[in-house]
Structure formats: structure tokens, C-alpha cells
Amino acid sequence: MSAGRETQPERTVLSWQRTGLGVLAVAGLLAREAATGDAPVRLAGAGAVALLGLGVLGGLAPLRARAVERTADRGADVAVPRLALLVTAVVVTVAGAALVAVLSPR
């Protein structure tokens, strides 16, 4: 990163990584709860959440990092509303899974 360039692209990339790590953390908590409660259905849900987190962290975050670098080098806008909507849907889905896990009877 050059000295004269703004830090917004770097912050954007870091926010994608934090989102993926947060989803993986929720998956870990769900998996722990499922394993200690002997609930295989919940464990499958935790696995699905983990796959979503890995998709964001291992798939979308690196793709966005490269795209942000390319567009920032050209001086273009780095926002991609469709991807933001996709990640919002992932976060809402994970929040729903966590809510169901917390509120469902043991």
C-alpha cells in the first residue's frame, strides 16, 4: 500500500475477514453446545454455519481483497451492493440459527 493512498480499501478487506471470523466463532459456539447436549441436528446446523463462515472467509474475502486492490488502483468506487446484500443474508441466517439454538428446549 502506497503512502498517499487512503486506508478505506484495507479497512473494507479487514471487515470482510472479521465477518467471516465472527460467523466461524458462532459456528464453534453452536457446535460446542450441540456436542455437550448430544444434539446431532444442532451439530448439523453448526456445520452449515461453519460452511457459511468458511465461504465468507475463504472465498468472498480474498476475492473482495483482490477486487478492492484493482479498483482502488484505478481510483474507482469499491462498493458492490450485491455482495453486501449476500453477506447481510449470511449474517442474518447465522443470527437466526443462533437464536433458534438458544431458545429451543434442551
PDB file of N, CA and C in Angstrom:
ATOM      1  N   MET A   1       0.845  -1.172   0.000  1.00  0.00           N
ATOM      2  CA  MET A   1       0.000   0.000   0.000  1.00  0.00           C
ATOM      3  C   MET A   1       0.886   1.228   0.000  1.00  0.00           C
ATOM      4  N   SER A   2       0.659   2.127  -0.927  1.00  0.00           N
ATOM      5  CA  SER A   2       1.497   3.316  -1.018  1.00  0.00           C
ATOM      6  C   SER A   2       1.123   4.315   0.067  1.00  0.00           C
ATOM      7  N   ALA A   3       2.057   5.233   0.349  1.00  0.00           N
ATOM      8  CA  ALA A   3       1.872   6.168   1.446  1.00  0.00           C
ATOM      9  C   ALA A   3       0.731   7.133   1.189  1.00  0.00           C
ATOM     10  N   GLY A   4       0.489   7.522  -0.082  1.00  0.00           N
ATOM     11  CA  GLY A   4      -0.524   8.501  -0.380  1.00  0.00           C
ATOM     12  C   GLY A   4      -1.929   7.934  -0.523  1.00  0.00           C
ATOM     13  N   ARG A   5      -2.066   6.633  -0.543  1.00  0.00           N
ATOM     14  CA  ARG A   5      -3.367   6.010  -0.758  1.00  0.00           C
ATOM     15  C   ARG A   5      -4.176   5.951   0.535  1.00  0.00           C
ATOM     16  N   GLU A   6      -5.466   6.104   0.409  1.00  0.00           N
ATOM     17  CA  GLU A   6      -6.332   6.044   1.571  1.00  0.00           C
ATOM     18  C   GLU A   6      -6.384   4.632   2.144  1.00  0.00           C
ATOM     19  N   THR A   7      -6.827   4.531   3.383  1.00  0.00           N
ATOM     20  CA  THR A   7      -6.885   3.228   4.048  1.00  0.00           C
ATOM     21  C   THR A   7      -8.247   2.557   3.924  1.00  0.00           C
ATOM     22  N   GLN A   8      -9.212   3.191   3.279  1.00  0.00           N
ATOM     23  CA  GLN A   8     -10.544   2.600   3.147  1.00  0.00           C
ATOM     24  C   GLN A   8     -10.520   1.215   2.494  1.00  0.00           C
ATOM     25  N   PRO A   9      -9.784   1.002   1.415  1.00  0.00           N
ATOM     26  CA  PRO A   9      -9.760  -0.357   0.839  1.00  0.00           C
ATOM     27  C   PRO A   9      -9.257  -1.408   1.827  1.00  0.00           C
ATOM     28  N   GLU A  10      -8.250  -1.062   2.588  1.00  0.00           N
ATOM     29  CA  GLU A  10      -7.725  -2.013   3.570  1.00  0.00           C
ATOM     30  C   GLU A  10      -8.760  -2.295   4.669  1.00  0.00           C
ATOM     31  N   ARG A  11      -9.454  -1.266   5.112  1.00  0.00           N
ATOM     32  CA  ARG A  11     -10.492  -1.469   6.125  1.00  0.00           C
ATOM     33  C   ARG A  11     -11.630  -2.319   5.579  1.00  0.00           C
ATOM     34  N   THR A  12     -11.956  -2.151   4.303  1.00  0.00           N
ATOM     35  CA  THR A  12     -13.003  -2.957   3.682  1.00  0.00           C
ATOM     36  C   THR A  12     -12.617  -4.433   3.687  1.00  0.00           C
ATOM     37  N   VAL A  13     -11.395  -4.721   3.318  1.00  0.00           N
ATOM     38  CA  VAL A  13     -10.911  -6.111   3.311  1.00  0.00           C
ATOM     39  C   VAL A  13     -10.932  -6.684   4.724  1.00  0.00           C
ATOM     40  N   LEU A  14     -10.480  -5.917   5.696  1.00  0.00           N
ATOM     41  CA  LEU A  14     -10.477  -6.394   7.081  1.00  0.00           C
ATOM     42  C   LEU A  14     -11.890  -6.637   7.597  1.00  0.00           C
ATOM     43  N   SER A  15     -12.853  -5.828   7.175  1.00  0.00           N
ATOM     44  CA  SER A  15     -14.227  -6.037   7.637  1.00  0.00           C
ATOM     45  C   SER A  15     -14.793  -7.350   7.087  1.00  0.00           C
ATOM     46  N   TRP A  16     -14.441  -7.710   5.851  1.00  0.00           N
ATOM     47  CA  TRP A  16     -14.867  -8.999   5.304  1.00  0.00           C
ATOM     48  C   TRP A  16     -14.248 -10.141   6.097  1.00  0.00           C
ATOM     49  N   GLN A  17     -12.998 -10.002   6.466  1.00  0.00           N
ATOM     50  CA  GLN A  17     -12.340 -11.048   7.254  1.00  0.00           C
ATOM     51  C   GLN A  17     -12.970 -11.157   8.643  1.00  0.00           C
ATOM     52  N   ARG A  18     -13.264 -10.033   9.273  1.00  0.00           N
ATOM     53  CA  ARG A  18     -13.903 -10.061  10.591  1.00  0.00           C
ATOM     54  C   ARG A  18     -15.281 -10.706  10.519  1.00  0.00           C
ATOM     55  N   THR A  19     -16.018 -10.441   9.470  1.00  0.00           N
ATOM     56  CA  THR A  19     -17.342 -11.048   9.317  1.00  0.00           C
ATOM     57  C   THR A  19     -17.220 -12.566   9.221  1.00  0.00           C
ATOM     58  N   GLY A  20     -16.295 -13.048   8.399  1.00  0.00           N
ATOM     59  CA  GLY A  20     -16.078 -14.495   8.286  1.00  0.00           C
ATOM     60  C   GLY A  20     -15.647 -15.122   9.595  1.00  0.00           C
ATOM     61  N   LEU A  21     -14.751 -14.467  10.308  1.00  0.00           N
ATOM     62  CA  LEU A  21     -14.300 -14.990  11.603  1.00  0.00           C
ATOM     63  C   LEU A  21     -15.426 -14.986  12.626  1.00  0.00           C
ATOM     64  N   GLY A  22     -16.261 -13.960  12.587  1.00  0.00           N
ATOM     65  CA  GLY A  22     -17.401 -13.905  13.505  1.00  0.00           C
ATOM     66  C   GLY A  22     -18.383 -15.036  13.255  1.00  0.00           C
ATOM     67  N   VAL A  23     -18.652 -15.324  11.994  1.00  0.00           N
ATOM     68  CA  VAL A  23     -19.551 -16.430  11.654  1.00  0.00           C
ATOM     69  C   VAL A  23     -18.939 -17.754  12.096  1.00  0.00           C
ATOM     70  N   LEU A  24     -17.637 -17.915  11.915  1.00  0.00           N
ATOM     71  CA  LEU A  24     -16.974 -19.143  12.379  1.00  0.00           C
ATOM     72  C   LEU A  24     -17.008 -19.266  13.900  1.00  0.00           C
ATOM     73  N   ALA A  25     -16.886 -18.149  14.597  1.00  0.00           N
ATOM     74  CA  ALA A  25     -16.961 -18.178  16.057  1.00  0.00           C
ATOM     75  C   ALA A  25     -18.344 -18.628  16.519  1.00  0.00           C
ATOM     76  N   VAL A  26     -19.386 -18.114  15.881  1.00  0.00           N
ATOM     77  CA  VAL A  26     -20.739 -18.550  16.222  1.00  0.00           C
ATOM     78  C   VAL A  26     -20.898 -20.039  15.925  1.00  0.00           C
ATOM     79  N   ALA A  27     -20.343 -20.499  14.817  1.00  0.00           N
ATOM     80  CA  ALA A  27     -20.407 -21.927  14.487  1.00  0.00           C
ATOM     81  C   ALA A  27     -19.726 -22.760  15.564  1.00  0.00           C
ATOM     82  N   GLY A  28     -18.595 -22.289  16.060  1.00  0.00           N
ATOM     83  CA  GLY A  28     -17.902 -23.005  17.132  1.00  0.00           C
ATOM     84  C   GLY A  28     -18.732 -23.080  18.401  1.00  0.00           C
ATOM     85  N   LEU A  29     -19.380 -21.990  18.746  1.00  0.00           N
ATOM     86  CA  LEU A  29     -20.236 -21.992  19.937  1.00  0.00           C
ATOM     87  C   LEU A  29     -21.433 -22.921  19.759  1.00  0.00           C
ATOM     88  N   LEU A  30     -22.029 -22.888  18.569  1.00  0.00           N
ATOM     89  CA  LEU A  30     -23.144 -23.790  18.298  1.00  0.00           C
ATOM     90  C   LEU A  30     -22.702 -25.247  18.339  1.00  0.00           C
ATOM     91  N   ALA A  31     -21.534 -25.534  17.790  1.00  0.00           N
ATOM     92  CA  ALA A  31     -21.018 -26.908  17.793  1.00  0.00           C
ATOM     93  C   ALA A  31     -20.733 -27.378  19.211  1.00  0.00           C
ATOM     94  N   ARG A  32     -20.172 -26.507  20.027  1.00  0.00           N
ATOM     95  CA  ARG A  32     -19.887 -26.877  21.420  1.00  0.00           C
ATOM     96  C   ARG A  32     -21.176 -27.190  22.164  1.00  0.00           C
ATOM     97  N   GLU A  33     -22.168 -26.336  21.972  1.00  0.00           N
ATOM     98  CA  GLU A  33     -23.462 -26.558  22.620  1.00  0.00           C
ATOM     99  C   GLU A  33     -24.100 -27.856  22.132  1.00  0.00           C
ATOM    100  N   ALA A  34     -24.014 -28.128  20.842  1.00  0.00           N
ATOM    101  CA  ALA A  34     -24.601 -29.343  20.286  1.00  0.00           C
ATOM    102  C   ALA A  34     -23.876 -30.586  20.788  1.00  0.00           C
ATOM    103  N   ALA A  35     -22.555 -30.509  20.881  1.00  0.00           N
ATOM    104  CA  ALA A  35     -21.782 -31.674  21.312  1.00  0.00           C
ATOM    105  C   ALA A  35     -22.009 -31.983  22.791  1.00  0.00           C
ATOM    106  N   THR A  36     -22.096 -30.952  23.612  1.00  0.00           N
ATOM    107  CA  THR A  36     -22.308 -31.187  25.041  1.00  0.00           C
ATOM    108  C   THR A  36     -23.746 -31.564  25.337  1.00  0.00           C
ATOM    109  N   GLY A  37     -24.680 -31.180  24.459  1.00  0.00           N
ATOM    110  CA  GLY A  37     -26.088 -31.511  24.662  1.00  0.00           C
ATOM    111  C   GLY A  37     -26.526 -32.745  23.914  1.00  0.00           C
ATOM    112  N   ASP A  38     -25.605 -33.416  23.245  1.00  0.00           N
ATOM    113  CA  ASP A  38     -25.899 -34.626  22.479  1.00  0.00           C
ATOM    114  C   ASP A  38     -27.064 -34.380  21.513  1.00  0.00           C
ATOM    115  N   ALA A  39     -26.895 -33.352  20.658  1.00  0.00           N
ATOM    116  CA  ALA A  39     -27.942 -32.984  19.707  1.00  0.00           C
ATOM    117  C   ALA A  39     -27.375 -33.011  18.290  1.00  0.00           C
ATOM    118  N   PRO A  40     -27.523 -34.134  17.589  1.00  0.00           N
ATOM    119  CA  PRO A  40     -26.934 -34.241  16.248  1.00  0.00           C
ATOM    120  C   PRO A  40     -27.536 -33.268  15.230  1.00  0.00           C
ATOM    121  N   VAL A  41     -28.803 -32.916  15.369  1.00  0.00           N
ATOM    122  CA  VAL A  41     -29.413 -31.968  14.435  1.00  0.00           C
ATOM    123  C   VAL A  41     -28.773 -30.599  14.611  1.00  0.00           C
ATOM    124  N   ARG A  42     -28.564 -30.215  15.855  1.00  0.00           N
ATOM    125  CA  ARG A  42     -27.889 -28.939  16.113  1.00  0.00           C
ATOM    126  C   ARG A  42     -26.452 -28.965  15.599  1.00  0.00           C
ATOM    127  N   LEU A  43     -25.824 -30.105  15.701  1.00  0.00           N
ATOM    128  CA  LEU A  43     -24.457 -30.225  15.201  1.00  0.00           C
ATOM    129  C   LEU A  43     -24.427 -30.044  13.681  1.00  0.00           C
ATOM    130  N   ALA A  44     -25.412 -30.561  12.998  1.00  0.00           N
ATOM    131  CA  ALA A  44     -25.504 -30.350  11.550  1.00  0.00           C
ATOM    132  C   ALA A  44     -25.722 -28.875  11.240  1.00  0.00           C
ATOM    133  N   GLY A  45     -26.539 -28.205  12.036  1.00  0.00           N
ATOM    134  CA  GLY A  45     -26.736 -26.763  11.869  1.00  0.00           C
ATOM    135  C   GLY A  45     -25.453 -25.986  12.093  1.00  0.00           C
ATOM    136  N   ALA A  46     -24.694 -26.399  13.095  1.00  0.00           N
ATOM    137  CA  ALA A  46     -23.409 -25.741  13.356  1.00  0.00           C
ATOM    138  C   ALA A  46     -22.456 -25.953  12.188  1.00  0.00           C
ATOM    139  N   GLY A  47     -22.503 -27.143  11.585  1.00  0.00           N
ATOM    140  CA  GLY A  47     -21.677 -27.405  10.411  1.00  0.00           C
ATOM    141  C   GLY A  47     -22.063 -26.528   9.234  1.00  0.00           C
ATOM    142  N   ALA A  48     -23.366 -26.316   9.056  1.00  0.00           N
ATOM    143  CA  ALA A  48     -23.833 -25.445   7.970  1.00  0.00           C
ATOM    144  C   ALA A  48     -23.381 -24.007   8.205  1.00  0.00           C
ATOM    145  N   VAL A  49     -23.461 -23.553   9.451  1.00  0.00           N
ATOM    146  CA  VAL A  49     -22.991 -22.201   9.786  1.00  0.00           C
ATOM    147  C   VAL A  49     -21.484 -22.101   9.549  1.00  0.00           C
ATOM    148  N   ALA A  50     -20.755 -23.141   9.905  1.00  0.00           N
ATOM    149  CA  ALA A  50     -19.304 -23.134   9.685  1.00  0.00           C
ATOM    150  C   ALA A  50     -18.984 -23.045   8.191  1.00  0.00           C
ATOM    151  N   LEU A  51     -19.752 -23.752   7.371  1.00  0.00           N
ATOM    152  CA  LEU A  51     -19.544 -23.673   5.924  1.00  0.00           C
ATOM    153  C   LEU A  51     -19.812 -22.267   5.395  1.00  0.00           C
ATOM    154  N   LEU A  52     -20.828 -21.604   5.933  1.00  0.00           N
ATOM    155  CA  LEU A  52     -21.093 -20.217   5.540  1.00  0.00           C
ATOM    156  C   LEU A  52     -19.911 -19.323   5.923  1.00  0.00           C
ATOM    157  N   GLY A  53     -19.397 -19.516   7.139  1.00  0.00           N
ATOM    158  CA  GLY A  53     -18.251 -18.723   7.585  1.00  0.00           C
ATOM    159  C   GLY A  53     -17.022 -18.976   6.739  1.00  0.00           C
ATOM    160  N   LEU A  54     -16.781 -20.228   6.400  1.00  0.00           N
ATOM    161  CA  LEU A  54     -15.642 -20.548   5.547  1.00  0.00           C
ATOM    162  C   LEU A  54     -15.820 -19.974   4.146  1.00  0.00           C
ATOM    163  N   GLY A  55     -17.062 -19.954   3.684  1.00  0.00           N
ATOM    164  CA  GLY A  55     -17.329 -19.355   2.382  1.00  0.00           C
ATOM    165  C   GLY A  55     -17.009 -17.873   2.363  1.00  0.00           C
ATOM    166  N   VAL A  56     -17.382 -17.174   3.435  1.00  0.00           N
ATOM    167  CA  VAL A  56     -17.072 -15.742   3.518  1.00  0.00           C
ATOM    168  C   VAL A  56     -15.579 -15.533   3.692  1.00  0.00           C
ATOM    169  N   LEU A  57     -14.990 -16.252   4.647  1.00  0.00           N
ATOM    170  CA  LEU A  57     -13.574 -16.038   4.969  1.00  0.00           C
ATOM    171  C   LEU A  57     -12.643 -16.573   3.891  1.00  0.00           C
ATOM    172  N   GLY A  58     -12.925 -17.743   3.373  1.00  0.00           N
ATOM    173  CA  GLY A  58     -12.015 -18.353   2.411  1.00  0.00           C
ATOM    174  C   GLY A  58     -12.338 -18.063   0.963  1.00  0.00           C
ATOM    175  N   GLY A  59     -13.573 -17.651   0.693  1.00  0.00           N
ATOM    176  CA  GLY A  59     -13.973 -17.399  -0.682  1.00  0.00           C
ATOM    177  C   GLY A  59     -14.187 -15.936  -0.986  1.00  0.00           C
ATOM    178  N   LEU A  60     -15.167 -15.344  -0.336  1.00  0.00           N
ATOM    179  CA  LEU A  60     -15.518 -13.953  -0.644  1.00  0.00           C
ATOM    180  C   LEU A  60     -14.458 -12.955  -0.198  1.00  0.00           C
ATOM    181  N   ALA A  61     -13.889 -13.137   0.976  1.00  0.00           N
ATOM    182  CA  ALA A  61     -12.907 -12.158   1.477  1.00  0.00           C
ATOM    183  C   ALA A  61     -11.691 -12.033   0.554  1.00  0.00           C
ATOM    184  N   PRO A  62     -11.066 -13.135   0.124  1.00  0.00           N
ATOM    185  CA  PRO A  62      -9.931 -12.985  -0.798  1.00  0.00           C
ATOM    186  C   PRO A  62     -10.336 -12.405  -2.153  1.00  0.00           C
ATOM    187  N   LEU A  63     -11.510 -12.790  -2.648  1.00  0.00           N
ATOM    188  CA  LEU A  63     -11.979 -12.226  -3.916  1.00  0.00           C
ATOM    189  C   LEU A  63     -12.186 -10.719  -3.794  1.00  0.00           C
ATOM    190  N   ARG A  64     -12.793 -10.313  -2.696  1.00  0.00           N
ATOM    191  CA  ARG A  64     -13.007  -8.882  -2.475  1.00  0.00           C
ATOM    192  C   ARG A  64     -11.683  -8.154  -2.289  1.00  0.00           C
ATOM    193  N   ALA A  65     -10.718  -8.786  -1.640  1.00  0.00           N
ATOM    194  CA  ALA A  65      -9.414  -8.144  -1.433  1.00  0.00           C
ATOM    195  C   ALA A  65      -8.763  -7.832  -2.778  1.00  0.00           C
ATOM    196  N   ARG A  66      -8.786  -8.808  -3.672  1.00  0.00           N
ATOM    197  CA  ARG A  66      -8.199  -8.572  -4.995  1.00  0.00           C
ATOM    198  C   ARG A  66      -8.986  -7.527  -5.782  1.00  0.00           C
ATOM    199  N   ALA A  67     -10.304  -7.608  -5.713  1.00  0.00           N
ATOM    200  CA  ALA A  67     -11.133  -6.646  -6.444  1.00  0.00           C
ATOM    201  C   ALA A  67     -10.950  -5.233  -5.897  1.00  0.00           C
ATOM    202  N   VAL A  68     -10.851  -5.106  -4.592  1.00  0.00           N
ATOM    203  CA  VAL A  68     -10.663  -3.787  -3.975  1.00  0.00           C
ATOM    204  C   VAL A  68      -9.320  -3.208  -4.386  1.00  0.00           C
ATOM    205  N   GLU A  69      -8.299  -4.041  -4.396  1.00  0.00           N
ATOM    206  CA  GLU A  69      -6.979  -3.558  -4.821  1.00  0.00           C
ATOM    207  C   GLU A  69      -7.005  -3.065  -6.266  1.00  0.00           C
ATOM    208  N   ARG A  70      -7.642  -3.839  -7.138  1.00  0.00           N
ATOM    209  CA  ARG A  70      -7.716  -3.437  -8.548  1.00  0.00           C
ATOM    210  C   ARG A  70      -8.487  -2.135  -8.725  1.00  0.00           C
ATOM    211  N   THR A  71      -9.632  -2.034  -8.087  1.00  0.00           N
ATOM    212  CA  THR A  71     -10.444  -0.829  -8.268  1.00  0.00           C
ATOM    213  C   THR A  71      -9.833   0.371  -7.574  1.00  0.00           C
ATOM    214  N   ALA A  72      -9.178   0.160  -6.447  1.00  0.00           N
ATOM    215  CA  ALA A  72      -8.538   1.271  -5.752  1.00  0.00           C
ATOM    216  C   ALA A  72      -7.357   1.801  -6.557  1.00  0.00           C
ATOM    217  N   ASP A  73      -6.649   0.910  -7.234  1.00  0.00           N
ATOM    218  CA  ASP A  73      -5.534   1.348  -8.085  1.00  0.00           C
ATOM    219  C   ASP A  73      -6.020   2.229  -9.233  1.00  0.00           C
ATOM    220  N   ARG A  74      -7.225   1.950  -9.716  1.00  0.00           N
ATOM    221  CA  ARG A  74      -7.800   2.760 -10.792  1.00  0.00           C
ATOM    222  C   ARG A  74      -8.514   4.000 -10.269  1.00  0.00           C
ATOM    223  N   GLY A  75      -8.727   4.072  -8.963  1.00  0.00           N
ATOM    224  CA  GLY A  75      -9.431   5.198  -8.376  1.00  0.00           C
ATOM    225  C   GLY A  75     -10.938   5.079  -8.472  1.00  0.00           C
ATOM    226  N   ALA A  76     -11.427   3.889  -8.759  1.00  0.00           N
ATOM    227  CA  ALA A  76     -12.866   3.670  -8.893  1.00  0.00           C
ATOM    228  C   ALA A  76     -13.496   3.345  -7.544  1.00  0.00           C
ATOM    229  N   ASP A  77     -14.811   3.358  -7.500  1.00  0.00           N
ATOM    230  CA  ASP A  77     -15.564   3.020  -6.296  1.00  0.00           C
ATOM    231  C   ASP A  77     -15.449   1.518  -6.030  1.00  0.00           C
ATOM    232  N   VAL A  78     -15.256   1.146  -4.764  1.00  0.00           N
ATOM    233  CA  VAL A  78     -15.050  -0.265  -4.433  1.00  0.00           C
ATOM    234  C   VAL A  78     -16.320  -0.961  -3.954  1.00  0.00           C
ATOM    235  N   ALA A  79     -17.413  -0.238  -3.810  1.00  0.00           N
ATOM    236  CA  ALA A  79     -18.643  -0.828  -3.286  1.00  0.00           C
ATOM    237  C   ALA A  79     -19.279  -1.781  -4.301  1.00  0.00           C
ATOM    238  N   VAL A  80     -19.770  -2.919  -3.783  1.00  0.00           N
ATOM    239  CA  VAL A  80     -20.520  -3.884  -4.590  1.00  0.00           C
ATOM    240  C   VAL A  80     -21.778  -4.237  -3.786  1.00  0.00           C
ATOM    241  N   PRO A  81     -22.885  -3.557  -4.067  1.00  0.00           N
ATOM    242  CA  PRO A  81     -24.095  -3.755  -3.264  1.00  0.00           C
ATOM    243  C   PRO A  81     -24.591  -5.197  -3.214  1.00  0.00           C
ATOM    244  N   ARG A  82     -24.458  -5.951  -4.291  1.00  0.00           N
ATOM    245  CA  ARG A  82     -24.940  -7.341  -4.284  1.00  0.00           C
ATOM    246  C   ARG A  82     -24.173  -8.196  -3.284  1.00  0.00           C
ATOM    247  N   LEU A  83     -22.861  -8.012  -3.207  1.00  0.00           N
ATOM    248  CA  LEU A  83     -22.070  -8.778  -2.240  1.00  0.00           C
ATOM    249  C   LEU A  83     -22.401  -8.365  -0.817  1.00  0.00           C
ATOM    250  N   ALA A  84     -22.625  -7.081  -0.613  1.00  0.00           N
ATOM    251  CA  ALA A  84     -23.020  -6.619   0.719  1.00  0.00           C
ATOM    252  C   ALA A  84     -24.356  -7.235   1.117  1.00  0.00           C
ATOM    253  N   LEU A  85     -25.267  -7.341   0.178  1.00  0.00           N
ATOM    254  CA  LEU A  85     -26.555  -7.970   0.443  1.00  0.00           C
ATOM    255  C   LEU A  85     -26.380  -9.455   0.754  1.00  0.00           C
ATOM    256  N   LEU A  86     -25.497 -10.124   0.028  1.00  0.00           N
ATOM    257  CA  LEU A  86     -25.233 -11.539   0.267  1.00  0.00           C
ATOM    258  C   LEU A  86     -24.674 -11.765   1.671  1.00  0.00           C
ATOM    259  N   VAL A  87     -23.710 -10.962   2.055  1.00  0.00           N
ATOM    260  CA  VAL A  87     -23.116 -11.132   3.385  1.00  0.00           C
ATOM    261  C   VAL A  87     -24.122 -10.761   4.472  1.00  0.00           C
ATOM    262  N   THR A  88     -24.958  -9.785   4.215  1.00  0.00           N
ATOM    263  CA  THR A  88     -26.016  -9.458   5.169  1.00  0.00           C
ATOM    264  C   THR A  88     -26.949 -10.647   5.347  1.00  0.00           C
ATOM    265  N   ALA A  89     -27.285 -11.322   4.259  1.00  0.00           N
ATOM    266  CA  ALA A  89     -28.130 -12.513   4.345  1.00  0.00           C
ATOM    267  C   ALA A  89     -27.441 -13.619   5.143  1.00  0.00           C
ATOM    268  N   VAL A  90     -26.132 -13.780   4.962  1.00  0.00           N
ATOM    269  CA  VAL A  90     -25.383 -14.783   5.732  1.00  0.00           C
ATOM    270  C   VAL A  90     -25.434 -14.444   7.218  1.00  0.00           C
ATOM    271  N   VAL A  91     -25.197 -13.187   7.559  1.00  0.00           N
ATOM    272  CA  VAL A  91     -25.192 -12.786   8.968  1.00  0.00           C
ATOM    273  C   VAL A  91     -26.580 -12.962   9.580  1.00  0.00           C
ATOM    274  N   VAL A  92     -27.634 -12.610   8.860  1.00  0.00           N
ATOM    275  CA  VAL A  92     -28.995 -12.779   9.369  1.00  0.00           C
ATOM    276  C   VAL A  92     -29.315 -14.261   9.539  1.00  0.00           C
ATOM    277  N   THR A  93     -28.890 -15.098   8.606  1.00  0.00           N
ATOM    278  CA  THR A  93     -29.109 -16.542   8.718  1.00  0.00           C
ATOM    279  C   THR A  93     -28.398 -17.110   9.940  1.00  0.00           C
ATOM    280  N   VAL A  94     -27.169 -16.697  10.156  1.00  0.00           N
ATOM    281  CA  VAL A  94     -26.407 -17.164  11.318  1.00  0.00           C
ATOM    282  C   VAL A  94     -27.050 -16.688  12.608  1.00  0.00           C
ATOM    283  N   ALA A  95     -27.507 -15.437  12.618  1.00  0.00           N
ATOM    284  CA  ALA A  95     -28.182 -14.923  13.810  1.00  0.00           C
ATOM    285  C   ALA A  95     -29.461 -15.708  14.086  1.00  0.00           C
ATOM    286  N   GLY A  96     -30.186 -16.056  13.027  1.00  0.00           N
ATOM    287  CA  GLY A  96     -31.388 -16.871  13.199  1.00  0.00           C
ATOM    288  C   GLY A  96     -31.064 -18.251  13.739  1.00  0.00           C
ATOM    289  N   ALA A  97     -30.008 -18.871  13.235  1.00  0.00           N
ATOM    290  CA  ALA A  97     -29.598 -20.194  13.736  1.00  0.00           C
ATOM    291  C   ALA A  97     -29.195 -20.119  15.203  1.00  0.00           C
ATOM    292  N   ALA A  98     -28.480 -19.062  15.560  1.00  0.00           N
ATOM    293  CA  ALA A  98     -28.082 -18.911  16.964  1.00  0.00           C
ATOM    294  C   ALA A  98     -29.299 -18.673  17.843  1.00  0.00           C
ATOM    295  N   LEU A  99     -30.258 -17.891  17.360  1.00  0.00           N
ATOM    296  CA  LEU A  99     -31.469 -17.632  18.127  1.00  0.00           C
ATOM    297  C   LEU A  99     -32.272 -18.906  18.340  1.00  0.00           C
ATOM    298  N   VAL A 100     -32.416 -19.702  17.305  1.00  0.00           N
ATOM    299  CA  VAL A 100     -33.122 -20.974  17.444  1.00  0.00           C
ATOM    300  C   VAL A 100     -32.408 -21.881  18.430  1.00  0.00           C
ATOM    301  N   ALA A 101     -31.073 -21.913  18.362  1.00  0.00           N
ATOM    302  CA  ALA A 101     -30.304 -22.772  19.272  1.00  0.00           C
ATOM    303  C   ALA A 101     -30.457 -22.328  20.718  1.00  0.00           C
ATOM    304  N   VAL A 102     -30.505 -21.026  20.931  1.00  0.00           N
ATOM    305  CA  VAL A 102     -30.612 -20.520  22.300  1.00  0.00           C
ATOM    306  C   VAL A 102     -32.028 -20.709  22.857  1.00  0.00           C
ATOM    307  N   LEU A 103     -33.032 -20.515  22.016  1.00  0.00           N
ATOM    308  CA  LEU A 103     -34.414 -20.544  22.503  1.00  0.00           C
ATOM    309  C   LEU A 103     -35.059 -21.921  22.468  1.00  0.00           C
ATOM    310  N   SER A 104     -34.478 -22.867  21.755  1.00  0.00           N
ATOM    311  CA  SER A 104     -35.094 -24.187  21.679  1.00  0.00           C
ATOM    312  C   SER A 104     -34.861 -24.955  22.979  1.00  0.00           C
ATOM    313  N   PRO A 105     -35.837 -25.792  23.353  1.00  0.00           N
ATOM    314  CA  PRO A 105     -35.673 -26.558  24.601  1.00  0.00           C
ATOM    315  C   PRO A 105     -34.541 -27.567  24.473  1.00  0.00           C
ATOM    316  N   ARG A 106     -33.927 -27.834  25.572  1.00  0.00           N
ATOM    317  CA  ARG A 106     -32.770 -28.741  25.590  1.00  0.00           C
ATOM    318  C   ARG A 106     -33.214 -30.154  25.804  1.00  0.00           C
TER     319      ARG A 106
END
